[in-house]
Amino acid sequence: MERSLPAEPFAQEVFLLMAQTGIPLEAMASSLGVHPRWLRRVLAGEITELPLLTVVGLCKAMRVMPEDVWPPEAAARAFAGWPVRTFDVDGD
């Protein structure tokens, strides 16, 4: 079974960033390394769960930890057993 986190907290974070910066959806998608159509579906609530590997990529692109977007206890539970250096961005 693939573990995941709900997409809604990520969507709220993206909405907030877009509102604060005025960045258009296409540019936001590009900065996150995702297709604009995928991001549009997440923001519309059509995609409700994000696989953990997707969460890793999004967090690295945003330079945040999962606990910055999702409730800390949910993120800790989801990533229990993952390598400690999963979110290091120094080598990117």
PDB file of N, CA and C in Angstrom:
ATOM      1  N   MET A   1       0.840  -1.195   0.000  1.00  0.00           N
ATOM      2  CA  MET A   1       0.000   0.000   0.000  1.00  0.00           C
ATOM      3  C   MET A   1       0.878   1.250   0.000  1.00  0.00           C
ATOM      4  N   GLU A   2       0.593   2.150  -0.921  1.00  0.00           N
ATOM      5  CA  GLU A   2       1.349   3.391  -1.009  1.00  0.00           C
ATOM      6  C   GLU A   2       0.817   4.386   0.029  1.00  0.00           C
ATOM      7  N   ARG A   3       1.730   4.949   0.785  1.00  0.00           N
ATOM      8  CA  ARG A   3       1.319   5.946   1.774  1.00  0.00           C
ATOM      9  C   ARG A   3       1.186   7.308   1.102  1.00  0.00           C
ATOM     10  N   SER A   4       0.335   8.143   1.671  1.00  0.00           N
ATOM     11  CA  SER A   4       0.076   9.456   1.085  1.00  0.00           C
ATOM     12  C   SER A   4      -0.317  10.443   2.179  1.00  0.00           C
ATOM     13  N   LEU A   5      -0.398  11.694   1.787  1.00  0.00           N
ATOM     14  CA  LEU A   5      -0.911  12.761   2.643  1.00  0.00           C
ATOM     15  C   LEU A   5      -2.017  13.477   1.873  1.00  0.00           C
ATOM     16  N   PRO A   6      -2.973  14.064   2.589  1.00  0.00           N
ATOM     17  CA  PRO A   6      -4.056  14.763   1.902  1.00  0.00           C
ATOM     18  C   PRO A   6      -3.527  15.950   1.100  1.00  0.00           C
ATOM     19  N   ALA A   7      -4.124  16.196  -0.047  1.00  0.00           N
ATOM     20  CA  ALA A   7      -3.677  17.275  -0.930  1.00  0.00           C
ATOM     21  C   ALA A   7      -4.143  18.654  -0.462  1.00  0.00           C
ATOM     22  N   GLU A   8      -5.207  18.706   0.326  1.00  0.00           N
ATOM     23  CA  GLU A   8      -5.789  20.001   0.693  1.00  0.00           C
ATOM     24  C   GLU A   8      -4.813  20.966   1.386  1.00  0.00           C
ATOM     25  N   PRO A   9      -4.018  20.539   2.380  1.00  0.00           N
ATOM     26  CA  PRO A   9      -3.085  21.493   2.986  1.00  0.00           C
ATOM     27  C   PRO A   9      -2.067  22.042   1.984  1.00  0.00           C
ATOM     28  N   PHE A  10      -1.622  21.193   1.061  1.00  0.00           N
ATOM     29  CA  PHE A  10      -0.701  21.662   0.028  1.00  0.00           C
ATOM     30  C   PHE A  10      -1.405  22.681  -0.868  1.00  0.00           C
ATOM     31  N   ALA A  11      -2.637  22.398  -1.272  1.00  0.00           N
ATOM     32  CA  ALA A  11      -3.395  23.320  -2.117  1.00  0.00           C
ATOM     33  C   ALA A  11      -3.568  24.668  -1.425  1.00  0.00           C
ATOM     34  N   GLN A  12      -3.874  24.646  -0.135  1.00  0.00           N
ATOM     35  CA  GLN A  12      -4.030  25.899   0.617  1.00  0.00           C
ATOM     36  C   GLN A  12      -2.725  26.692   0.630  1.00  0.00           C
ATOM     37  N   GLU A  13      -1.604  25.993   0.801  1.00  0.00           N
ATOM     38  CA  GLU A  13      -0.294  26.653   0.806  1.00  0.00           C
ATOM     39  C   GLU A  13      -0.009  27.293  -0.550  1.00  0.00           C
ATOM     40  N   VAL A  14      -0.321  26.581  -1.619  1.00  0.00           N
ATOM     41  CA  VAL A  14      -0.090  27.117  -2.970  1.00  0.00           C
ATOM     42  C   VAL A  14      -1.000  28.310  -3.231  1.00  0.00           C
ATOM     43  N   PHE A  15      -2.284  28.215  -2.859  1.00  0.00           N
ATOM     44  CA  PHE A  15      -3.199  29.352  -3.010  1.00  0.00           C
ATOM     45  C   PHE A  15      -2.645  30.572  -2.281  1.00  0.00           C
ATOM     46  N   LEU A  16      -2.162  30.375  -1.065  1.00  0.00           N
ATOM     47  CA  LEU A  16      -1.616  31.476  -0.272  1.00  0.00           C
ATOM     48  C   LEU A  16      -0.401  32.093  -0.960  1.00  0.00           C
ATOM     49  N   LEU A  17       0.524  31.248  -1.410  1.00  0.00           N
ATOM     50  CA  LEU A  17       1.720  31.752  -2.098  1.00  0.00           C
ATOM     51  C   LEU A  17       1.353  32.515  -3.366  1.00  0.00           C
ATOM     52  N   MET A  18       0.404  31.983  -4.125  1.00  0.00           N
ATOM     53  CA  MET A  18      -0.003  32.653  -5.355  1.00  0.00           C
ATOM     54  C   MET A  18      -0.669  33.993  -5.052  1.00  0.00           C
ATOM     55  N   ALA A  19      -1.466  34.046  -3.997  1.00  0.00           N
ATOM     56  CA  ALA A  19      -2.132  35.297  -3.618  1.00  0.00           C
ATOM     57  C   ALA A  19      -1.125  36.328  -3.123  1.00  0.00           C
ATOM     58  N   GLN A  20      -0.140  35.879  -2.347  1.00  0.00           N
ATOM     59  CA  GLN A  20       0.857  36.804  -1.783  1.00  0.00           C
ATOM     60  C   GLN A  20       1.815  37.336  -2.839  1.00  0.00           C
ATOM     61  N   THR A  21       2.146  36.504  -3.814  1.00  0.00           N
ATOM     62  CA  THR A  21       3.169  36.883  -4.789  1.00  0.00           C
ATOM     63  C   THR A  21       2.611  37.319  -6.130  1.00  0.00           C
ATOM     64  N   GLY A  22       1.363  36.959  -6.428  1.00  0.00           N
ATOM     65  CA  GLY A  22       0.788  37.271  -7.722  1.00  0.00           C
ATOM     66  C   GLY A  22       1.309  36.382  -8.847  1.00  0.00           C
ATOM     67  N   ILE A  23       2.019  35.327  -8.492  1.00  0.00           N
ATOM     68  CA  ILE A  23       2.571  34.428  -9.501  1.00  0.00           C
ATOM     69  C   ILE A  23       1.433  33.654 -10.167  1.00  0.00           C
ATOM     70  N   PRO A  24       1.433  33.578 -11.500  1.00  0.00           N
ATOM     71  CA  PRO A  24       0.379  32.817 -12.170  1.00  0.00           C
ATOM     72  C   PRO A  24       0.558  31.312 -11.991  1.00  0.00           C
ATOM     73  N   LEU A  25      -0.518  30.589 -12.182  1.00  0.00           N
ATOM     74  CA  LEU A  25      -0.508  29.144 -11.967  1.00  0.00           C
ATOM     75  C   LEU A  25       0.575  28.452 -12.794  1.00  0.00           C
ATOM     76  N   GLU A  26       0.739  28.833 -14.037  1.00  0.00           N
ATOM     77  CA  GLU A  26       1.721  28.184 -14.903  1.00  0.00           C
ATOM     78  C   GLU A  26       3.140  28.373 -14.360  1.00  0.00           C
ATOM     79  N   ALA A  27       3.439  29.556 -13.871  1.00  0.00           N
ATOM     80  CA  ALA A  27       4.767  29.815 -13.309  1.00  0.00           C
ATOM     81  C   ALA A  27       4.952  29.059 -11.993  1.00  0.00           C
ATOM     82  N   MET A  28       3.896  28.976 -11.188  1.00  0.00           N
ATOM     83  CA  MET A  28       3.972  28.223  -9.935  1.00  0.00           C
ATOM     84  C   MET A  28       4.226  26.758 -10.236  1.00  0.00           C
ATOM     85  N   ALA A  29       3.506  26.211 -11.194  1.00  0.00           N
ATOM     86  CA  ALA A  29       3.697  24.809 -11.578  1.00  0.00           C
ATOM     87  C   ALA A  29       5.129  24.575 -12.037  1.00  0.00           C
ATOM     88  N   SER A  30       5.646  25.467 -12.837  1.00  0.00           N
ATOM     89  CA  SER A  30       7.020  25.337 -13.319  1.00  0.00           C
ATOM     90  C   SER A  30       8.020  25.363 -12.164  1.00  0.00           C
ATOM     91  N   SER A  31       7.810  26.255 -11.223  1.00  0.00           N
ATOM     92  CA  SER A  31       8.736  26.349 -10.086  1.00  0.00           C
ATOM     93  C   SER A  31       8.675  25.106  -9.198  1.00  0.00           C
ATOM     94  N   LEU A  32       7.531  24.424  -9.216  1.00  0.00           N
ATOM     95  CA  LEU A  32       7.377  23.193  -8.430  1.00  0.00           C
ATOM     96  C   LEU A  32       7.800  21.953  -9.213  1.00  0.00           C
ATOM     97  N   GLY A  33       8.020  22.116 -10.503  1.00  0.00           N
ATOM     98  CA  GLY A  33       8.398  20.989 -11.336  1.00  0.00           C
ATOM     99  C   GLY A  33       7.240  20.063 -11.671  1.00  0.00           C
ATOM    100  N   VAL A  34       6.027  20.631 -11.756  1.00  0.00           N
ATOM    101  CA  VAL A  34       4.837  19.838 -12.085  1.00  0.00           C
ATOM    102  C   VAL A  34       4.139  20.450 -13.299  1.00  0.00           C
ATOM    103  N   HIS A  35       3.270  19.685 -13.903  1.00  0.00           N
ATOM    104  CA  HIS A  35       2.502  20.162 -15.052  1.00  0.00           C
ATOM    105  C   HIS A  35       1.395  21.089 -14.550  1.00  0.00           C
ATOM    106  N   PRO A  36       1.140  22.205 -15.252  1.00  0.00           N
ATOM    107  CA  PRO A  36       0.067  23.112 -14.816  1.00  0.00           C
ATOM    108  C   PRO A  36      -1.297  22.427 -14.687  1.00  0.00           C
ATOM    109  N   ARG A  37      -1.593  21.481 -15.577  1.00  0.00           N
ATOM    110  CA  ARG A  37      -2.887  20.782 -15.499  1.00  0.00           C
ATOM    111  C   ARG A  37      -2.995  19.996 -14.194  1.00  0.00           C
ATOM    112  N   TRP A  38      -1.886  19.350 -13.773  1.00  0.00           N
ATOM    113  CA  TRP A  38      -1.888  18.602 -12.510  1.00  0.00           C
ATOM    114  C   TRP A  38      -2.129  19.564 -11.343  1.00  0.00           C
ATOM    115  N   LEU A  39      -1.410  20.689 -11.329  1.00  0.00           N
ATOM    116  CA  LEU A  39      -1.572  21.651 -10.240  1.00  0.00           C
ATOM    117  C   LEU A  39      -2.996  22.202 -10.217  1.00  0.00           C
ATOM    118  N   ARG A  40      -3.546  22.475 -11.378  1.00  0.00           N
ATOM    119  CA  ARG A  40      -4.926  22.963 -11.455  1.00  0.00           C
ATOM    120  C   ARG A  40      -5.895  21.949 -10.839  1.00  0.00           C
ATOM    121  N   ARG A  41      -5.672  20.669 -11.113  1.00  0.00           N
ATOM    122  CA  ARG A  41      -6.532  19.608 -10.550  1.00  0.00           C
ATOM    123  C   ARG A  41      -6.392  19.523  -9.030  1.00  0.00           C
ATOM    124  N   VAL A  42      -5.172  19.691  -8.516  1.00  0.00           N
ATOM    125  CA  VAL A  42      -4.959  19.691  -7.060  1.00  0.00           C
ATOM    126  C   VAL A  42      -5.705  20.875  -6.445  1.00  0.00           C
ATOM    127  N   LEU A  43      -5.546  22.045  -7.037  1.00  0.00           N
ATOM    128  CA  LEU A  43      -6.184  23.243  -6.492  1.00  0.00           C
ATOM    129  C   LEU A  43      -7.705  23.172  -6.577  1.00  0.00           C
ATOM    130  N   ALA A  44      -8.224  22.458  -7.557  1.00  0.00           N
ATOM    131  CA  ALA A  44      -9.675  22.307  -7.711  1.00  0.00           C
ATOM    132  C   ALA A  44     -10.245  21.218  -6.804  1.00  0.00           C
ATOM    133  N   GLY A  45      -9.366  20.493  -6.116  1.00  0.00           N
ATOM    134  CA  GLY A  45      -9.833  19.429  -5.230  1.00  0.00           C
ATOM    135  C   GLY A  45     -10.099  18.119  -5.942  1.00  0.00           C
ATOM    136  N   GLU A  46      -9.713  18.020  -7.210  1.00  0.00           N
ATOM    137  CA  GLU A  46      -9.925  16.781  -7.968  1.00  0.00           C
ATOM    138  C   GLU A  46      -8.913  15.709  -7.567  1.00  0.00           C
ATOM    139  N   ILE A  47      -7.736  16.125  -7.155  1.00  0.00           N
ATOM    140  CA  ILE A  47      -6.721  15.216  -6.615  1.00  0.00           C
ATOM    141  C   ILE A  47      -6.745  15.431  -5.112  1.00  0.00           C
ATOM    142  N   THR A  48      -7.057  14.378  -4.371  1.00  0.00           N
ATOM    143  CA  THR A  48      -7.255  14.533  -2.928  1.00  0.00           C
ATOM    144  C   THR A  48      -6.136  13.944  -2.082  1.00  0.00           C
ATOM    145  N   GLU A  49      -5.300  13.103  -2.671  1.00  0.00           N
ATOM    146  CA  GLU A  49      -4.195  12.483  -1.941  1.00  0.00           C
ATOM    147  C   GLU A  49      -2.915  12.642  -2.747  1.00  0.00           C
ATOM    148  N   LEU A  50      -1.807  12.892  -2.049  1.00  0.00           N
ATOM    149  CA  LEU A  50      -0.499  13.006  -2.692  1.00  0.00           C
ATOM    150  C   LEU A  50       0.404  11.886  -2.174  1.00  0.00           C
ATOM    151  N   PRO A  51       0.911  11.040  -3.082  1.00  0.00           N
ATOM    152  CA  PRO A  51       1.850  10.006  -2.650  1.00  0.00           C
ATOM    153  C   PRO A  51       3.068  10.652  -1.986  1.00  0.00           C
ATOM    154  N   LEU A  52       3.672   9.941  -1.055  1.00  0.00           N
ATOM    155  CA  LEU A  52       4.786  10.520  -0.301  1.00  0.00           C
ATOM    156  C   LEU A  52       5.958  10.917  -1.185  1.00  0.00           C
ATOM    157  N   LEU A  53       6.232  10.177  -2.250  1.00  0.00           N
ATOM    158  CA  LEU A  53       7.323  10.587  -3.142  1.00  0.00           C
ATOM    159  C   LEU A  53       7.001  11.925  -3.807  1.00  0.00           C
ATOM    160  N   THR A  54       5.749  12.167  -4.114  1.00  0.00           N
ATOM    161  CA  THR A  54       5.335  13.463  -4.653  1.00  0.00           C
ATOM    162  C   THR A  54       5.514  14.543  -3.599  1.00  0.00           C
ATOM    163  N   VAL A  55       5.142  14.234  -2.365  1.00  0.00           N
ATOM    164  CA  VAL A  55       5.309  15.190  -1.262  1.00  0.00           C
ATOM    165  C   VAL A  55       6.785  15.557  -1.100  1.00  0.00           C
ATOM    166  N   VAL A  56       7.670  14.574  -1.188  1.00  0.00           N
ATOM    167  CA  VAL A  56       9.109  14.846  -1.072  1.00  0.00           C
ATOM    168  C   VAL A  56       9.535  15.840  -2.150  1.00  0.00           C
ATOM    169  N   GLY A  57       9.151  15.577  -3.392  1.00  0.00           N
ATOM    170  CA  GLY A  57       9.525  16.471  -4.485  1.00  0.00           C
ATOM    171  C   GLY A  57       8.971  17.871  -4.318  1.00  0.00           C
ATOM    172  N   LEU A  58       7.710  17.980  -3.901  1.00  0.00           N
ATOM    173  CA  LEU A  58       7.094  19.289  -3.706  1.00  0.00           C
ATOM    174  C   LEU A  58       7.762  20.046  -2.564  1.00  0.00           C
ATOM    175  N   CYS A  59       8.038  19.352  -1.474  1.00  0.00           N
ATOM    176  CA  CYS A  59       8.688  20.009  -0.332  1.00  0.00           C
ATOM    177  C   CYS A  59      10.083  20.487  -0.698  1.00  0.00           C
ATOM    178  N   LYS A  60      10.828  19.671  -1.437  1.00  0.00           N
ATOM    179  CA  LYS A  60      12.163  20.099  -1.868  1.00  0.00           C
ATOM    180  C   LYS A  60      12.070  21.322  -2.773  1.00  0.00           C
ATOM    181  N   ALA A  61      11.111  21.314  -3.699  1.00  0.00           N
ATOM    182  CA  ALA A  61      10.949  22.452  -4.609  1.00  0.00           C
ATOM    183  C   ALA A  61      10.584  23.725  -3.844  1.00  0.00           C
ATOM    184  N   MET A  62       9.781  23.574  -2.789  1.00  0.00           N
ATOM    185  CA  MET A  62       9.357  24.727  -1.999  1.00  0.00           C
ATOM    186  C   MET A  62      10.355  25.064  -0.884  1.00  0.00           C
ATOM    187  N   ARG A  63      11.322  24.162  -0.690  1.00  0.00           N
ATOM    188  CA  ARG A  63      12.317  24.309   0.379  1.00  0.00           C
ATOM    189  C   ARG A  63      11.659  24.425   1.758  1.00  0.00           C
ATOM    190  N   VAL A  64      10.724  23.496   1.979  1.00  0.00           N
ATOM    191  CA  VAL A  64      10.040  23.402   3.274  1.00  0.00           C
ATOM    192  C   VAL A  64      10.054  21.952   3.719  1.00  0.00           C
ATOM    193  N   MET A  65       9.722  21.743   4.951  1.00  0.00           N
ATOM    194  CA  MET A  65       9.551  20.399   5.494  1.00  0.00           C
ATOM    195  C   MET A  65       8.062  20.064   5.459  1.00  0.00           C
ATOM    196  N   PRO A  66       7.707  18.792   5.416  1.00  0.00           N
ATOM    197  CA  PRO A  66       6.285  18.434   5.415  1.00  0.00           C
ATOM    198  C   PRO A  66       5.524  19.038   6.590  1.00  0.00           C
ATOM    199  N   GLU A  67       6.189  19.159   7.733  1.00  0.00           N
ATOM    200  CA  GLU A  67       5.540  19.719   8.927  1.00  0.00           C
ATOM    201  C   GLU A  67       5.181  21.192   8.754  1.00  0.00           C
ATOM    202  N   ASP A  68       5.770  21.850   7.743  1.00  0.00           N
ATOM    203  CA  ASP A  68       5.425  23.241   7.460  1.00  0.00           C
ATOM    204  C   ASP A  68       4.111  23.352   6.693  1.00  0.00           C
ATOM    205  N   VAL A  69       3.675  22.252   6.087  1.00  0.00           N
ATOM    206  CA  VAL A  69       2.476  22.259   5.253  1.00  0.00           C
ATOM    207  C   VAL A  69       1.359  21.429   5.880  1.00  0.00           C
ATOM    208  N   TRP A  70       1.687  20.250   6.366  1.00  0.00           N
ATOM    209  CA  TRP A  70       0.704  19.333   6.959  1.00  0.00           C
ATOM    210  C   TRP A  70       0.833  19.374   8.480  1.00  0.00           C
ATOM    211  N   PRO A  71      -0.200  18.954   9.205  1.00  0.00           N
ATOM    212  CA  PRO A  71      -0.069  18.877  10.664  1.00  0.00           C
ATOM    213  C   PRO A  71       1.146  18.013  11.019  1.00  0.00           C
ATOM    214  N   PRO A  72       1.985  18.487  11.949  1.00  0.00           N
ATOM    215  CA  PRO A  72       3.224  17.771  12.270  1.00  0.00           C
ATOM    216  C   PRO A  72       3.030  16.298  12.605  1.00  0.00           C
ATOM    217  N   GLU A  73       1.963  15.974  13.343  1.00  0.00           N
ATOM    218  CA  GLU A  73       1.761  14.572  13.720  1.00  0.00           C
ATOM    219  C   GLU A  73       1.413  13.715  12.499  1.00  0.00           C
ATOM    220  N   ALA A  74       0.671  14.272  11.558  1.00  0.00           N
ATOM    221  CA  ALA A  74       0.327  13.529  10.336  1.00  0.00           C
ATOM    222  C   ALA A  74       1.562  13.318   9.473  1.00  0.00           C
ATOM    223  N   ALA A  75       2.393  14.340   9.343  1.00  0.00           N
ATOM    224  CA  ALA A  75       3.616  14.220   8.550  1.00  0.00           C
ATOM    225  C   ALA A  75       4.574  13.217   9.192  1.00  0.00           C
ATOM    226  N   ALA A  76       4.716  13.288  10.511  1.00  0.00           N
ATOM    227  CA  ALA A  76       5.620  12.361  11.208  1.00  0.00           C
ATOM    228  C   ALA A  76       5.154  10.924  11.039  1.00  0.00           C
ATOM    229  N   ARG A  77       3.861  10.702  11.151  1.00  0.00           N
ATOM    230  CA  ARG A  77       3.306   9.356  10.975  1.00  0.00           C
ATOM    231  C   ARG A  77       3.532   8.853   9.550  1.00  0.00           C
ATOM    232  N   ALA A  78       3.295   9.721   8.585  1.00  0.00           N
ATOM    233  CA  ALA A  78       3.423   9.329   7.178  1.00  0.00           C
ATOM    234  C   ALA A  78       4.867   8.965   6.828  1.00  0.00           C
ATOM    235  N   PHE A  79       5.817   9.705   7.381  1.00  0.00           N
ATOM    236  CA  PHE A  79       7.212   9.494   7.020  1.00  0.00           C
ATOM    237  C   PHE A  79       7.982   8.645   8.030  1.00  0.00           C
ATOM    238  N   ALA A  80       7.304   8.029   8.961  1.00  0.00           N
ATOM    239  CA  ALA A  80       7.972   7.149   9.921  1.00  0.00           C
ATOM    240  C   ALA A  80       8.726   6.061   9.158  1.00  0.00           C
ATOM    241  N   GLY A  81       9.993   5.889   9.496  1.00  0.00           N
ATOM    242  CA  GLY A  81      10.802   4.862   8.857  1.00  0.00           C
ATOM    243  C   GLY A  81      11.559   5.343   7.626  1.00  0.00           C
ATOM    244  N   TRP A  82      11.303   6.553   7.157  1.00  0.00           N
ATOM    245  CA  TRP A  82      12.043   7.076   6.010  1.00  0.00           C
ATOM    246  C   TRP A  82      13.425   7.541   6.468  1.00  0.00           C
ATOM    247  N   PRO A  83      14.416   7.562   5.557  1.00  0.00           N
ATOM    248  CA  PRO A  83      15.756   8.038   5.927  1.00  0.00           C
ATOM    249  C   PRO A  83      15.717   9.481   6.429  1.00  0.00           C
ATOM    250  N   VAL A  84      16.552   9.774   7.398  1.00  0.00           N
ATOM    251  CA  VAL A  84      16.578  11.104   8.019  1.00  0.00           C
ATOM    252  C   VAL A  84      16.889  12.195   6.992  1.00  0.00           C
ATOM    253  N   ARG A  85      17.755  11.916   6.041  1.00  0.00           N
ATOM    254  CA  ARG A  85      18.196  12.934   5.081  1.00  0.00           C
ATOM    255  C   ARG A  85      17.277  13.059   3.851  1.00  0.00           C
ATOM    256  N   THR A  86      16.086  12.539   3.918  1.00  0.00           N
ATOM    257  CA  THR A  86      15.167  12.555   2.772  1.00  0.00           C
ATOM    258  C   THR A  86      14.945  13.970   2.250  1.00  0.00           C
ATOM    259  N   PHE A  87      14.875  14.950   3.114  1.00  0.00           N
ATOM    260  CA  PHE A  87      14.520  16.313   2.703  1.00  0.00           C
ATOM    261  C   PHE A  87      15.721  17.246   2.579  1.00  0.00           C
ATOM    262  N   ASP A  88      16.937  16.715   2.637  1.00  0.00           N
ATOM    263  CA  ASP A  88      18.116  17.553   2.444  1.00  0.00           C
ATOM    264  C   ASP A  88      18.089  18.151   1.040  1.00  0.00           C
ATOM    265  N   VAL A  89      18.400  19.425   0.942  1.00  0.00           N
ATOM    266  CA  VAL A  89      18.428  20.075  -0.354  1.00  0.00           C
ATOM    267  C   VAL A  89      19.819  20.593  -0.710  1.00  0.00           C
ATOM    268  N   ASP A  90      20.792  20.339   0.158  1.00  0.00           N
ATOM    269  CA  ASP A  90      22.143  20.846  -0.078  1.00  0.00           C
ATOM    270  C   ASP A  90      22.730  20.352  -1.396  1.00  0.00           C
ATOM    271  N   GLY A  91      22.469  19.100  -1.747  1.00  0.00           N
ATOM    272  CA  GLY A  91      23.051  18.523  -2.948  1.00  0.00           C
ATOM    273  C   GLY A  91      22.309  18.861  -4.226  1.00  0.00           C
ATOM    274  N   ASP A  92      21.176  19.556  -4.115  1.00  0.00           N
ATOM    275  CA  ASP A  92      20.366  19.862  -5.310  1.00  0.00           C
ATOM    276  C   ASP A  92      20.962  20.996  -6.105  1.00  0.00           C
TER     277      ASP A  92
END
